[in-house]
Amino acid sequence: MTGIGQAVQAMGLENELKPELAKLKTATQGFEAVFAKKLLGEMRKGIKDSLGDKAPGSDMYKDMMDQTVADSIASKGALGIGKMLYTQYAPKLIAIERQNMNQRGEERHEQASRG
């Protein structure tokens, strides 16, 4: 279990944060895929087109291939960008959730004292 996972478990927020952390993981992995695709596209510009590359639909095929490779790179975390972003933003997400829980607790306390 990662340090972030241990912190979430220690605070008792596992059930509340699991969906939010999963969304964050998906978003950071998606960012890595976008970055990898752009990187592959820029690298492809530096390669001379061979005679077969001018065939109809070859640009679309290359784009689909770049997307597939980029998704594979991101799913494996090969560049480390997704992991770095997740590590940076997960504690902020946890802090926001903790603040929201405290706020909800204060609101319940106020309602209980009124009624």
PDB file of N, CA and C in Angstrom:
ATOM      1  N   MET A   1       0.850  -1.186   0.000  1.00  0.00           N
ATOM      2  CA  MET A   1       0.000   0.000   0.000  1.00  0.00           C
ATOM      3  C   MET A   1       0.890   1.243   0.000  1.00  0.00           C
ATOM      4  N   THR A   2       0.504   2.218  -0.769  1.00  0.00           N
ATOM      5  CA  THR A   2       1.295   3.439  -0.859  1.00  0.00           C
ATOM      6  C   THR A   2       1.114   4.292   0.385  1.00  0.00           C
ATOM      7  N   GLY A   3       1.975   5.282   0.529  1.00  0.00           N
ATOM      8  CA  GLY A   3       1.863   6.215   1.644  1.00  0.00           C
ATOM      9  C   GLY A   3       0.525   6.928   1.644  1.00  0.00           C
ATOM     10  N   ILE A   4       0.023   7.239   0.454  1.00  0.00           N
ATOM     11  CA  ILE A   4      -1.267   7.917   0.339  1.00  0.00           C
ATOM     12  C   ILE A   4      -2.371   6.977   0.791  1.00  0.00           C
ATOM     13  N   GLY A   5      -2.296   5.718   0.374  1.00  0.00           N
ATOM     14  CA  GLY A   5      -3.291   4.732   0.783  1.00  0.00           C
ATOM     15  C   GLY A   5      -3.295   4.528   2.276  1.00  0.00           C
ATOM     16  N   GLN A   6      -2.130   4.523   2.889  1.00  0.00           N
ATOM     17  CA  GLN A   6      -2.027   4.365   4.340  1.00  0.00           C
ATOM     18  C   GLN A   6      -2.620   5.573   5.057  1.00  0.00           C
ATOM     19  N   ALA A   7      -2.388   6.762   4.517  1.00  0.00           N
ATOM     20  CA  ALA A   7      -2.934   7.976   5.131  1.00  0.00           C
ATOM     21  C   ALA A   7      -4.453   7.970   5.062  1.00  0.00           C
ATOM     22  N   VAL A   8      -4.987   7.573   3.935  1.00  0.00           N
ATOM     23  CA  VAL A   8      -6.444   7.520   3.768  1.00  0.00           C
ATOM     24  C   VAL A   8      -7.035   6.515   4.738  1.00  0.00           C
ATOM     25  N   GLN A   9      -6.394   5.360   4.860  1.00  0.00           N
ATOM     26  CA  GLN A   9      -6.883   4.318   5.767  1.00  0.00           C
ATOM     27  C   GLN A   9      -6.814   4.788   7.223  1.00  0.00           C
ATOM     28  N   ALA A  10      -5.732   5.447   7.584  1.00  0.00           N
ATOM     29  CA  ALA A  10      -5.560   5.921   8.957  1.00  0.00           C
ATOM     30  C   ALA A  10      -6.617   6.955   9.335  1.00  0.00           C
ATOM     31  N   MET A  11      -7.039   7.759   8.381  1.00  0.00           N
ATOM     32  CA  MET A  11      -8.045   8.786   8.664  1.00  0.00           C
ATOM     33  C   MET A  11      -9.461   8.227   8.611  1.00  0.00           C
ATOM     34  N   GLY A  12      -9.612   6.974   8.194  1.00  0.00           N
ATOM     35  CA  GLY A  12     -10.943   6.383   8.105  1.00  0.00           C
ATOM     36  C   GLY A  12     -11.746   6.918   6.940  1.00  0.00           C
ATOM     37  N   LEU A  13     -11.075   7.379   5.909  1.00  0.00           N
ATOM     38  CA  LEU A  13     -11.758   7.961   4.748  1.00  0.00           C
ATOM     39  C   LEU A  13     -11.733   7.028   3.546  1.00  0.00           C
ATOM     40  N   GLU A  14     -11.386   5.781   3.776  1.00  0.00           N
ATOM     41  CA  GLU A  14     -11.195   4.848   2.667  1.00  0.00           C
ATOM     42  C   GLU A  14     -12.419   4.793   1.748  1.00  0.00           C
ATOM     43  N   ASN A  15     -13.610   4.620   2.322  1.00  0.00           N
ATOM     44  CA  ASN A  15     -14.826   4.502   1.507  1.00  0.00           C
ATOM     45  C   ASN A  15     -15.187   5.809   0.806  1.00  0.00           C
ATOM     46  N   GLU A  16     -14.987   6.934   1.508  1.00  0.00           N
ATOM     47  CA  GLU A  16     -15.350   8.228   0.935  1.00  0.00           C
ATOM     48  C   GLU A  16     -14.402   8.653  -0.180  1.00  0.00           C
ATOM     49  N   LEU A  17     -13.125   8.336  -0.020  1.00  0.00           N
ATOM     50  CA  LEU A  17     -12.129   8.818  -0.972  1.00  0.00           C
ATOM     51  C   LEU A  17     -11.797   7.851  -2.100  1.00  0.00           C
ATOM     52  N   LYS A  18     -12.154   6.596  -1.950  1.00  0.00           N
ATOM     53  CA  LYS A  18     -11.790   5.613  -2.966  1.00  0.00           C
ATOM     54  C   LYS A  18     -12.260   6.027  -4.374  1.00  0.00           C
ATOM     55  N   PRO A  19     -13.519   6.438  -4.551  1.00  0.00           N
ATOM     56  CA  PRO A  19     -13.953   6.847  -5.887  1.00  0.00           C
ATOM     57  C   PRO A  19     -13.233   8.106  -6.387  1.00  0.00           C
ATOM     58  N   GLU A  20     -13.003   9.044  -5.477  1.00  0.00           N
ATOM     59  CA  GLU A  20     -12.334  10.286  -5.871  1.00  0.00           C
ATOM     60  C   GLU A  20     -10.873  10.032  -6.256  1.00  0.00           C
ATOM     61  N   LEU A  21     -10.197   9.185  -5.490  1.00  0.00           N
ATOM     62  CA  LEU A  21      -8.804   8.862  -5.820  1.00  0.00           C
ATOM     63  C   LEU A  21      -8.722   8.068  -7.116  1.00  0.00           C
ATOM     64  N   ALA A  22      -9.722   7.229  -7.384  1.00  0.00           N
ATOM     65  CA  ALA A  22      -9.754   6.485  -8.649  1.00  0.00           C
ATOM     66  C   ALA A  22      -9.925   7.439  -9.828  1.00  0.00           C
ATOM     67  N   LYS A  23     -10.778   8.448  -9.653  1.00  0.00           N
ATOM     68  CA  LYS A  23     -10.953   9.461 -10.713  1.00  0.00           C
ATOM     69  C   LYS A  23      -9.657  10.234 -10.948  1.00  0.00           C
ATOM     70  N   LEU A  24      -8.977  10.569  -9.852  1.00  0.00           N
ATOM     71  CA  LEU A  24      -7.707  11.284  -9.967  1.00  0.00           C
ATOM     72  C   LEU A  24      -6.686  10.422 -10.700  1.00  0.00           C
ATOM     73  N   LYS A  25      -6.631   9.142 -10.375  1.00  0.00           N
ATOM     74  CA  LYS A  25      -5.694   8.225 -11.029  1.00  0.00           C
ATOM     75  C   LYS A  25      -5.982   8.145 -12.523  1.00  0.00           C
ATOM     76  N   THR A  26      -7.256   8.044 -12.882  1.00  0.00           N
ATOM     77  CA  THR A  26      -7.644   7.997 -14.288  1.00  0.00           C
ATOM     78  C   THR A  26      -7.255   9.286 -15.007  1.00  0.00           C
ATOM     79  N   ALA A  27      -7.475  10.419 -14.353  1.00  0.00           N
ATOM     80  CA  ALA A  27      -7.148  11.709 -14.967  1.00  0.00           C
ATOM     81  C   ALA A  27      -5.643  11.879 -15.164  1.00  0.00           C
ATOM     82  N   THR A  28      -4.863  11.495 -14.158  1.00  0.00           N
ATOM     83  CA  THR A  28      -3.412  11.656 -14.288  1.00  0.00           C
ATOM     84  C   THR A  28      -2.842  10.696 -15.314  1.00  0.00           C
ATOM     85  N   GLN A  29      -3.411   9.496 -15.394  1.00  0.00           N
ATOM     86  CA  GLN A  29      -2.985   8.541 -16.412  1.00  0.00           C
ATOM     87  C   GLN A  29      -3.375   9.053 -17.798  1.00  0.00           C
ATOM     88  N   GLY A  30      -4.552   9.653 -17.904  1.00  0.00           N
ATOM     89  CA  GLY A  30      -4.988  10.240 -19.169  1.00  0.00           C
ATOM     90  C   GLY A  30      -4.077  11.373 -19.605  1.00  0.00           C
ATOM     91  N   PHE A  31      -3.627  12.179 -18.651  1.00  0.00           N
ATOM     92  CA  PHE A  31      -2.701  13.255 -18.978  1.00  0.00           C
ATOM     93  C   PHE A  31      -1.401  12.690 -19.527  1.00  0.00           C
ATOM     94  N   GLU A  32      -0.917  11.617 -18.902  1.00  0.00           N
ATOM     95  CA  GLU A  32       0.315  10.992 -19.387  1.00  0.00           C
ATOM     96  C   GLU A  32       0.121  10.458 -20.805  1.00  0.00           C
ATOM     97  N   ALA A  33      -1.060   9.920 -21.105  1.00  0.00           N
ATOM     98  CA  ALA A  33      -1.341   9.415 -22.455  1.00  0.00           C
ATOM     99  C   ALA A  33      -1.347  10.550 -23.478  1.00  0.00           C
ATOM    100  N   VAL A  34      -1.958  11.677 -23.118  1.00  0.00           N
ATOM    101  CA  VAL A  34      -1.984  12.835 -24.022  1.00  0.00           C
ATOM    102  C   VAL A  34      -0.561  13.325 -24.282  1.00  0.00           C
ATOM    103  N   PHE A  35       0.224  13.415 -23.238  1.00  0.00           N
ATOM    104  CA  PHE A  35       1.614  13.867 -23.369  1.00  0.00           C
ATOM    105  C   PHE A  35       2.414  12.901 -24.239  1.00  0.00           C
ATOM    106  N   ALA A  36       2.245  11.604 -24.002  1.00  0.00           N
ATOM    107  CA  ALA A  36       2.978  10.599 -24.773  1.00  0.00           C
ATOM    108  C   ALA A  36       2.581  10.648 -26.244  1.00  0.00           C
ATOM    109  N   LYS A  37       1.292  10.842 -26.530  1.00  0.00           N
ATOM    110  CA  LYS A  37       0.840  10.920 -27.925  1.00  0.00           C
ATOM    111  C   LYS A  37       1.451  12.136 -28.616  1.00  0.00           C
ATOM    112  N   LYS A  38       1.467  13.247 -27.929  1.00  0.00           N
ATOM    113  CA  LYS A  38       2.074  14.456 -28.496  1.00  0.00           C
ATOM    114  C   LYS A  38       3.562  14.226 -28.739  1.00  0.00           C
ATOM    115  N   LEU A  39       4.225  13.583 -27.804  1.00  0.00           N
ATOM    116  CA  LEU A  39       5.644  13.275 -27.939  1.00  0.00           C
ATOM    117  C   LEU A  39       5.895  12.377 -29.147  1.00  0.00           C
ATOM    118  N   LEU A  40       5.080  11.346 -29.300  1.00  0.00           N
ATOM    119  CA  LEU A  40       5.221  10.442 -30.447  1.00  0.00           C
ATOM    120  C   LEU A  40       4.972  11.182 -31.766  1.00  0.00           C
ATOM    121  N   GLY A  41       3.972  12.044 -31.777  1.00  0.00           N
ATOM    122  CA  GLY A  41       3.674  12.818 -32.990  1.00  0.00           C
ATOM    123  C   GLY A  41       4.822  13.738 -33.380  1.00  0.00           C
ATOM    124  N   GLU A  42       5.421  14.370 -32.385  1.00  0.00           N
ATOM    125  CA  GLU A  42       6.554  15.259 -32.664  1.00  0.00           C
ATOM    126  C   GLU A  42       7.773  14.462 -33.142  1.00  0.00           C
ATOM    127  N   MET A  43       7.970  13.290 -32.559  1.00  0.00           N
ATOM    128  CA  MET A  43       9.093  12.453 -32.993  1.00  0.00           C
ATOM    129  C   MET A  43       8.869  11.970 -34.421  1.00  0.00           C
ATOM    130  N   ARG A  44       7.624  11.665 -34.752  1.00  0.00           N
ATOM    131  CA  ARG A  44       7.292  11.193 -36.108  1.00  0.00           C
ATOM    132  C   ARG A  44       7.589  12.274 -37.152  1.00  0.00           C
ATOM    133  N   LYS A  45       7.437  13.540 -36.783  1.00  0.00           N
ATOM    134  CA  LYS A  45       7.723  14.631 -37.721  1.00  0.00           C
ATOM    135  C   LYS A  45       9.184  14.633 -38.157  1.00  0.00           C
ATOM    136  N   GLY A  46      10.057  14.123 -37.310  1.00  0.00           N
ATOM    137  CA  GLY A  46      11.479  14.094 -37.625  1.00  0.00           C
ATOM    138  C   GLY A  46      11.895  12.935 -38.509  1.00  0.00           C
ATOM    139  N   ILE A  47      10.964  12.055 -38.826  1.00  0.00           N
ATOM    140  CA  ILE A  47      11.274  10.898 -39.664  1.00  0.00           C
ATOM    141  C   ILE A  47      10.826  11.186 -41.087  1.00  0.00           C
ATOM    142  N   LYS A  48      11.687  10.912 -42.054  1.00  0.00           N
ATOM    143  CA  LYS A  48      11.321  11.098 -43.452  1.00  0.00           C
ATOM    144  C   LYS A  48      10.243  10.103 -43.835  1.00  0.00           C
ATOM    145  N   ASP A  49       9.264  10.569 -44.601  1.00  0.00           N
ATOM    146  CA  ASP A  49       8.225   9.666 -45.087  1.00  0.00           C
ATOM    147  C   ASP A  49       8.809   8.735 -46.136  1.00  0.00           C
ATOM    148  N   SER A  50       8.490   7.469 -46.007  1.00  0.00           N
ATOM    149  CA  SER A  50       8.908   6.533 -47.046  1.00  0.00           C
ATOM    150  C   SER A  50       7.849   6.539 -48.138  1.00  0.00           C
ATOM    151  N   LEU A  51       8.087   5.834 -49.215  1.00  0.00           N
ATOM    152  CA  LEU A  51       7.161   5.867 -50.347  1.00  0.00           C
ATOM    153  C   LEU A  51       5.767   5.388 -49.971  1.00  0.00           C
ATOM    154  N   GLY A  52       5.644   4.398 -49.116  1.00  0.00           N
ATOM    155  CA  GLY A  52       4.346   3.854 -48.740  1.00  0.00           C
ATOM    156  C   GLY A  52       3.557   4.744 -47.798  1.00  0.00           C
ATOM    157  N   ASP A  53       4.182   5.739 -47.228  1.00  0.00           N
ATOM    158  CA  ASP A  53       3.512   6.584 -46.248  1.00  0.00           C
ATOM    159  C   ASP A  53       2.538   7.578 -46.860  1.00  0.00           C
ATOM    160  N   LYS A  54       2.530   7.692 -48.158  1.00  0.00           N
ATOM    161  CA  LYS A  54       1.617   8.633 -48.811  1.00  0.00           C
ATOM    162  C   LYS A  54       0.311   7.979 -49.216  1.00  0.00           C
ATOM    163  N   ALA A  55       0.115   6.744 -48.826  1.00  0.00           N
ATOM    164  CA  ALA A  55      -1.115   6.028 -49.169  1.00  0.00           C
ATOM    165  C   ALA A  55      -2.309   6.692 -48.496  1.00  0.00           C
ATOM    166  N   PRO A  56      -3.490   6.609 -49.136  1.00  0.00           N
ATOM    167  CA  PRO A  56      -4.687   7.184 -48.510  1.00  0.00           C
ATOM    168  C   PRO A  56      -4.948   6.547 -47.150  1.00  0.00           C
ATOM    169  N   GLY A  57      -5.213   7.369 -46.173  1.00  0.00           N
ATOM    170  CA  GLY A  57      -5.520   6.887 -44.836  1.00  0.00           C
ATOM    171  C   GLY A  57      -4.304   6.624 -43.964  1.00  0.00           C
ATOM    172  N   SER A  58      -3.099   6.815 -44.514  1.00  0.00           N
ATOM    173  CA  SER A  58      -1.902   6.506 -43.721  1.00  0.00           C
ATOM    174  C   SER A  58      -1.764   7.447 -42.525  1.00  0.00           C
ATOM    175  N   ASP A  59      -2.167   8.689 -42.673  1.00  0.00           N
ATOM    176  CA  ASP A  59      -2.093   9.633 -41.545  1.00  0.00           C
ATOM    177  C   ASP A  59      -3.019   9.195 -40.411  1.00  0.00           C
ATOM    178  N   MET A  60      -4.220   8.734 -40.783  1.00  0.00           N
ATOM    179  CA  MET A  60      -5.166   8.277 -39.774  1.00  0.00           C
ATOM    180  C   MET A  60      -4.628   7.015 -39.086  1.00  0.00           C
ATOM    181  N   TYR A  61      -4.035   6.121 -39.862  1.00  0.00           N
ATOM    182  CA  TYR A  61      -3.461   4.898 -39.295  1.00  0.00           C
ATOM    183  C   TYR A  61      -2.342   5.251 -38.309  1.00  0.00           C
ATOM    184  N   LYS A  62      -1.472   6.171 -38.698  1.00  0.00           N
ATOM    185  CA  LYS A  62      -0.369   6.584 -37.809  1.00  0.00           C
ATOM    186  C   LYS A  62      -0.907   7.198 -36.520  1.00  0.00           C
ATOM    187  N   ASP A  63      -1.960   8.018 -36.653  1.00  0.00           N
ATOM    188  CA  ASP A  63      -2.548   8.654 -35.475  1.00  0.00           C
ATOM    189  C   ASP A  63      -3.141   7.604 -34.532  1.00  0.00           C
ATOM    190  N   MET A  64      -3.838   6.614 -35.106  1.00  0.00           N
ATOM    191  CA  MET A  64      -4.411   5.544 -34.281  1.00  0.00           C
ATOM    192  C   MET A  64      -3.304   4.718 -33.623  1.00  0.00           C
ATOM    193  N   MET A  65      -2.233   4.470 -34.353  1.00  0.00           N
ATOM    194  CA  MET A  65      -1.129   3.714 -33.786  1.00  0.00           C
ATOM    195  C   MET A  65      -0.467   4.506 -32.661  1.00  0.00           C
ATOM    196  N   ASP A  66      -0.253   5.799 -32.881  1.00  0.00           N
ATOM    197  CA  ASP A  66       0.334   6.642 -31.836  1.00  0.00           C
ATOM    198  C   ASP A  66      -0.538   6.655 -30.587  1.00  0.00           C
ATOM    199  N   GLN A  67      -1.866   6.709 -30.769  1.00  0.00           N
ATOM    200  CA  GLN A  67      -2.780   6.726 -29.625  1.00  0.00           C
ATOM    201  C   GLN A  67      -2.694   5.413 -28.844  1.00  0.00           C
ATOM    202  N   THR A  68      -2.631   4.309 -29.563  1.00  0.00           N
ATOM    203  CA  THR A  68      -2.539   2.997 -28.906  1.00  0.00           C
ATOM    204  C   THR A  68      -1.233   2.865 -28.130  1.00  0.00           C
ATOM    205  N   VAL A  69      -0.138   3.296 -28.739  1.00  0.00           N
ATOM    206  CA  VAL A  69       1.158   3.242 -28.057  1.00  0.00           C
ATOM    207  C   VAL A  69       1.150   4.174 -26.849  1.00  0.00           C
ATOM    208  N   ALA A  70       0.590   5.358 -27.018  1.00  0.00           N
ATOM    209  CA  ALA A  70       0.529   6.327 -25.909  1.00  0.00           C
ATOM    210  C   ALA A  70      -0.300   5.779 -24.748  1.00  0.00           C
ATOM    211  N   ASP A  71      -1.426   5.147 -25.048  1.00  0.00           N
ATOM    212  CA  ASP A  71      -2.258   4.555 -23.993  1.00  0.00           C
ATOM    213  C   ASP A  71      -1.501   3.451 -23.267  1.00  0.00           C
ATOM    214  N   SER A  72      -0.747   2.673 -24.010  1.00  0.00           N
ATOM    215  CA  SER A  72       0.048   1.603 -23.404  1.00  0.00           C
ATOM    216  C   SER A  72       1.138   2.180 -22.504  1.00  0.00           C
ATOM    217  N   ILE A  73       1.800   3.216 -22.989  1.00  0.00           N
ATOM    218  CA  ILE A  73       2.843   3.887 -22.193  1.00  0.00           C
ATOM    219  C   ILE A  73       2.251   4.404 -20.885  1.00  0.00           C
ATOM    220  N   ALA A  74       1.078   5.051 -20.983  1.00  0.00           N
ATOM    221  CA  ALA A  74       0.449   5.636 -19.795  1.00  0.00           C
ATOM    222  C   ALA A  74      -0.037   4.555 -18.834  1.00  0.00           C
ATOM    223  N   SER A  75      -0.602   3.465 -19.359  1.00  0.00           N
ATOM    224  CA  SER A  75      -1.125   2.426 -18.462  1.00  0.00           C
ATOM    225  C   SER A  75      -0.010   1.749 -17.672  1.00  0.00           C
ATOM    226  N   LYS A  76       1.183   1.723 -18.247  1.00  0.00           N
ATOM    227  CA  LYS A  76       2.328   1.143 -17.547  1.00  0.00           C
ATOM    228  C   LYS A  76       3.066   2.182 -16.705  1.00  0.00           C
ATOM    229  N   GLY A  77       2.721   3.448 -16.890  1.00  0.00           N
ATOM    230  CA  GLY A  77       3.399   4.515 -16.151  1.00  0.00           C
ATOM    231  C   GLY A  77       4.847   4.663 -16.584  1.00  0.00           C
ATOM    232  N   ALA A  78       5.117   4.382 -17.854  1.00  0.00           N
ATOM    233  CA  ALA A  78       6.493   4.352 -18.351  1.00  0.00           C
ATOM    234  C   ALA A  78       7.207   5.695 -18.240  1.00  0.00           C
ATOM    235  N   LEU A  79       6.494   6.780 -18.419  1.00  0.00           N
ATOM    236  CA  LEU A  79       7.129   8.096 -18.323  1.00  0.00           C
ATOM    237  C   LEU A  79       7.150   8.610 -16.883  1.00  0.00           C
ATOM    238  N   GLY A  80       6.274   8.106 -16.054  1.00  0.00           N
ATOM    239  CA  GLY A  80       6.232   8.516 -14.643  1.00  0.00           C
ATOM    240  C   GLY A  80       5.482   9.812 -14.393  1.00  0.00           C
ATOM    241  N   ILE A  81       4.934  10.399 -15.439  1.00  0.00           N
ATOM    242  CA  ILE A  81       4.235  11.680 -15.287  1.00  0.00           C
ATOM    243  C   ILE A  81       2.931  11.493 -14.506  1.00  0.00           C
ATOM    244  N   GLY A  82       2.171  10.464 -14.839  1.00  0.00           N
ATOM    245  CA  GLY A  82       0.914  10.206 -14.140  1.00  0.00           C
ATOM    246  C   GLY A  82       1.133   9.964 -12.662  1.00  0.00           C
ATOM    247  N   LYS A  83       2.133   9.174 -12.336  1.00  0.00           N
ATOM    248  CA  LYS A  83       2.428   8.876 -10.927  1.00  0.00           C
ATOM    249  C   LYS A  83       2.858  10.139 -10.187  1.00  0.00           C
ATOM    250  N   MET A  84       3.688  10.947 -10.855  1.00  0.00           N
ATOM    251  CA  MET A  84       4.153  12.185 -10.235  1.00  0.00           C
ATOM    252  C   MET A  84       2.970  13.120  -9.935  1.00  0.00           C
ATOM    253  N   LEU A  85       2.066  13.259 -10.910  1.00  0.00           N
ATOM    254  CA  LEU A  85       0.901  14.123 -10.710  1.00  0.00           C
ATOM    255  C   LEU A  85      -0.026  13.568  -9.627  1.00  0.00           C
ATOM    256  N   TYR A  86      -0.223  12.253  -9.626  1.00  0.00           N
ATOM    257  CA  TYR A  86      -1.071  11.632  -8.611  1.00  0.00           C
ATOM    258  C   TYR A  86      -0.495  11.861  -7.216  1.00  0.00           C
ATOM    259  N   THR A  87       0.805  11.672  -7.095  1.00  0.00           N
ATOM    260  CA  THR A  87       1.475  11.867  -5.811  1.00  0.00           C
ATOM    261  C   THR A  87       1.369  13.322  -5.355  1.00  0.00           C
ATOM    262  N   GLN A  88       1.364  14.232  -6.309  1.00  0.00           N
ATOM    263  CA  GLN A  88       1.274  15.655  -5.968  1.00  0.00           C
ATOM    264  C   GLN A  88      -0.146  16.060  -5.573  1.00  0.00           C
ATOM    265  N   TYR A  89      -1.154  15.539  -6.281  1.00  0.00           N
ATOM    266  CA  TYR A  89      -2.522  16.011  -6.065  1.00  0.00           C
ATOM    267  C   TYR A  89      -3.338  15.183  -5.072  1.00  0.00           C
ATOM    268  N   ALA A  90      -2.976  13.939  -4.829  1.00  0.00           N
ATOM    269  CA  ALA A  90      -3.744  13.111  -3.889  1.00  0.00           C
ATOM    270  C   ALA A  90      -3.773  13.711  -2.484  1.00  0.00           C
ATOM    271  N   PRO A  91      -2.647  14.180  -1.942  1.00  0.00           N
ATOM    272  CA  PRO A  91      -2.720  14.792  -0.604  1.00  0.00           C
ATOM    273  C   PRO A  91      -3.624  16.019  -0.565  1.00  0.00           C
ATOM    274  N   LYS A  92      -3.668  16.774  -1.654  1.00  0.00           N
ATOM    275  CA  LYS A  92      -4.552  17.948  -1.700  1.00  0.00           C
ATOM    276  C   LYS A  92      -6.009  17.512  -1.694  1.00  0.00           C
ATOM    277  N   LEU A  93      -6.299  16.441  -2.422  1.00  0.00           N
ATOM    278  CA  LEU A  93      -7.651  15.897  -2.446  1.00  0.00           C
ATOM    279  C   LEU A  93      -8.049  15.387  -1.064  1.00  0.00           C
ATOM    280  N   ILE A  94      -7.134  14.728  -0.389  1.00  0.00           N
ATOM    281  CA  ILE A  94      -7.387  14.226   0.964  1.00  0.00           C
ATOM    282  C   ILE A  94      -7.640  15.388   1.922  1.00  0.00           C
ATOM    283  N   ALA A  95      -6.851  16.446   1.813  1.00  0.00           N
ATOM    284  CA  ALA A  95      -7.027  17.613   2.685  1.00  0.00           C
ATOM    285  C   ALA A  95      -8.383  18.276   2.454  1.00  0.00           C
ATOM    286  N   ILE A  96      -8.796  18.366   1.204  1.00  0.00           N
ATOM    287  CA  ILE A  96     -10.101  18.956   0.895  1.00  0.00           C
ATOM    288  C   ILE A  96     -11.212  18.095   1.484  1.00  0.00           C
ATOM    289  N   GLU A  97     -11.090  16.775   1.344  1.00  0.00           N
ATOM    290  CA  GLU A  97     -12.112  15.883   1.897  1.00  0.00           C
ATOM    291  C   GLU A  97     -12.156  15.969   3.419  1.00  0.00           C
ATOM    292  N   ARG A  98     -11.002  16.069   4.040  1.00  0.00           N
ATOM    293  CA  ARG A  98     -10.946  16.203   5.504  1.00  0.00           C
ATOM    294  C   ARG A  98     -11.648  17.497   5.928  1.00  0.00           C
ATOM    295  N   GLN A  99     -11.386  18.580   5.199  1.00  0.00           N
ATOM    296  CA  GLN A  99     -12.017  19.865   5.507  1.00  0.00           C
ATOM    297  C   GLN A  99     -13.533  19.773   5.327  1.00  0.00           C
ATOM    298  N   ASN A 100     -13.960  19.101   4.253  1.00  0.00           N
ATOM    299  CA  ASN A 100     -15.398  18.932   4.031  1.00  0.00           C
ATOM    300  C   ASN A 100     -16.045  18.103   5.138  1.00  0.00           C
ATOM    301  N   MET A 101     -15.350  17.063   5.600  1.00  0.00           N
ATOM    302  CA  MET A 101     -15.879  16.247   6.696  1.00  0.00           C
ATOM    303  C   MET A 101     -16.005  17.069   7.974  1.00  0.00           C
ATOM    304  N   ASN A 102     -14.996  17.882   8.271  1.00  0.00           N
ATOM    305  CA  ASN A 102     -15.051  18.736   9.459  1.00  0.00           C
ATOM    306  C   ASN A 102     -16.211  19.710   9.373  1.00  0.00           C
ATOM    307  N   GLN A 103     -16.399  20.268   8.177  1.00  0.00           N
ATOM    308  CA  GLN A 103     -17.482  21.221   7.973  1.00  0.00           C
ATOM    309  C   GLN A 103     -18.839  20.542   8.156  1.00  0.00           C
ATOM    310  N   ARG A 104     -18.979  19.340   7.604  1.00  0.00           N
ATOM    311  CA  ARG A 104     -20.246  18.602   7.769  1.00  0.00           C
ATOM    312  C   ARG A 104     -20.478  18.267   9.242  1.00  0.00           C
ATOM    313  N   GLY A 105     -19.413  17.913   9.945  1.00  0.00           N
ATOM    314  CA  GLY A 105     -19.535  17.611  11.376  1.00  0.00           C
ATOM    315  C   GLY A 105     -19.981  18.819  12.174  1.00  0.00           C
ATOM    316  N   GLU A 106     -19.433  19.989  11.843  1.00  0.00           N
ATOM    317  CA  GLU A 106     -19.828  21.218  12.535  1.00  0.00           C
ATOM    318  C   GLU A 106     -21.289  21.549  12.249  1.00  0.00           C
ATOM    319  N   GLU A 107     -21.717  21.338  11.002  1.00  0.00           N
ATOM    320  CA  GLU A 107     -23.107  21.620  10.646  1.00  0.00           C
ATOM    321  C   GLU A 107     -24.064  20.689  11.392  1.00  0.00           C
ATOM    322  N   ARG A 108     -23.686  19.420  11.519  1.00  0.00           N
ATOM    323  CA  ARG A 108     -24.528  18.474  12.260  1.00  0.00           C
ATOM    324  C   ARG A 108     -24.593  18.858  13.740  1.00  0.00           C
ATOM    325  N   HIS A 109     -23.455  19.286  14.266  1.00  0.00           N
ATOM    326  CA  HIS A 109     -23.413  19.701  15.662  1.00  0.00           C
ATOM    327  C   HIS A 109     -24.314  20.908  15.885  1.00  0.00           C
ATOM    328  N   GLU A 110     -24.294  21.868  14.988  1.00  0.00           N
ATOM    329  CA  GLU A 110     -25.162  23.052  15.098  1.00  0.00           C
ATOM    330  C   GLU A 110     -26.619  22.662  15.015  1.00  0.00           C
ATOM    331  N   GLN A 111     -26.954  21.760  14.089  1.00  0.00           N
ATOM    332  CA  GLN A 111     -28.350  21.337  13.942  1.00  0.00           C
ATOM    333  C   GLN A 111     -28.817  20.585  15.186  1.00  0.00           C
ATOM    334  N   ALA A 112     -27.944  19.772  15.757  1.00  0.00           N
ATOM    335  CA  ALA A 112     -28.310  19.006  16.967  1.00  0.00           C
ATOM    336  C   ALA A 112     -28.509  19.945  18.151  1.00  0.00           C
ATOM    337  N   SER A 113     -27.705  20.977  18.248  1.00  0.00           N
ATOM    338  CA  SER A 113     -27.825  21.901  19.383  1.00  0.00           C
ATOM    339  C   SER A 113     -29.054  22.789  19.250  1.00  0.00           C
ATOM    340  N   ARG A 114     -29.533  23.020  18.036  1.00  0.00           N
ATOM    341  CA  ARG A 114     -30.740  23.823  17.821  1.00  0.00           C
ATOM    342  C   ARG A 114     -32.011  23.042  18.088  1.00  0.00           C
ATOM    343  N   GLY A 115     -31.968  21.783  17.737  1.00  0.00           N
ATOM    344  CA  GLY A 115     -33.232  21.066  17.782  1.00  0.00           C
ATOM    345  C   GLY A 115     -33.222  19.916  18.637  1.00  0.00           C
TER     346      GLY A 115
END
